[in-house]
Amino acid sequence: MKQNIHFILPVVLILTHFGSCDISNEHNSSADPIHINRFDKDLYQLITLDTPELQEQIVRDYPDMLKVIELGVLWIHDIENPDFFDRLVNYYSEPALNQLYQDALKKFEIIETMETSLSAGFHFLRTCFPTMQIPAVYMHVSGLQNNVLVDDSLLSISIDKYMGADYPLYNEFFYDYQLHKMNPDCIVPDYLKAWISSEYEFTGNARVFLERMIHEGKIMYIIHQALPKVPPEILLGYRSDEYQWCKQNEKMLWNTIIERKHLYTPDAATTARYFSDIPSVFISDEAPGNLGTWIGWQIVDKYMNRTNSSVEDLMKNTDYQEILTQSRYKP
């Protein structure tokens, strides 16, 4: 059993608490290529020196990120409080977290390749969704909390969640099945997934497997189209053998879903099991987690090949049964 500590494990936290952001200085949402703003580096300088001048500078340069950190990491709601910076510095000065912060800055000192890949991904989204706003993109350190923080025009990744599966500290807090998604290769896909998910939030019935399966499959399909060079197992957070298991057992998996009447029965607990990262032992001892997303992706891929629908029309189509029917999915 892993240690019970204050770190939490959500992948994405979408923040809507403080409304629209002032993007006049901090955001450059029409920029091409994408530049990742290194809030992580500038905040660490404040943590290390903690001078009034640096406080003023970070408030001036990163007003929106401070609000996001306030809500998404420190879980407080009063950035005007005179104790705010004391609490901020104290949080990040905890020895284990401070060491993690230093390791993360060292790990991600150079990010040009990541920016190039992210630029290509957002270029694809711009092409498919001409009216989609492109966010200002950042990096931060959360203390092993949410992987991604999203606001209406801001997107930030917690780089301390992507140190690599062999990073020693992870063994104290995470299970093996969680470590597959904690590698640098997952950063760009997670950026895109978080933004697409925030722009196209799930509006179906979360208790019905079919509806959530198709929605998650749509998102995975788009990410794969945006990042075609990224292996599909990386997009899913699988090992290669887990991905191969899905391919080899696709027919068995689909037949099991149908035979157990899981596709349409509105059962929240059963549906949730198909989207958990925990290995799907209720299907097979060898099955990986998140099988609902994988099979949804297969259905959407076949639907798009058969209908030649545009990506934008795909996301607008919330008739989940129609998508399944027109896909003629039958592994």
Foldseek 3Di string as FASTA:
>chain_A
DFDDDDAAAAAEDEDCPPHDDDQPQAKDFVDPQADAAEPAVLVVVCLVPVDPVSVVVCCVHPVPVLCQCCCPAVNHHCCVPPCNVVSVSVVCVPPVNVVLSVLLCVQPVDCVVVSVLLSLLVVLVCVQPVPDTGAREYEHARSNHHQWYHYPRYIYGHSSQASALVDVVCVNHDDSLSRLCNHPLNNSLSRQLNSVCVVQPQPDQLQALLQVLLLLLLSLLSSCVSRVPRDSCSSVSHDPVQVVVCVVCVQVVVVVCVVVVRRGPRGNVVSVQQQDQPANVVSPPSHGHNNSSVVSNVLQVLLCVQPVDRSVVSSVDSPSVVSNVSSPDRD
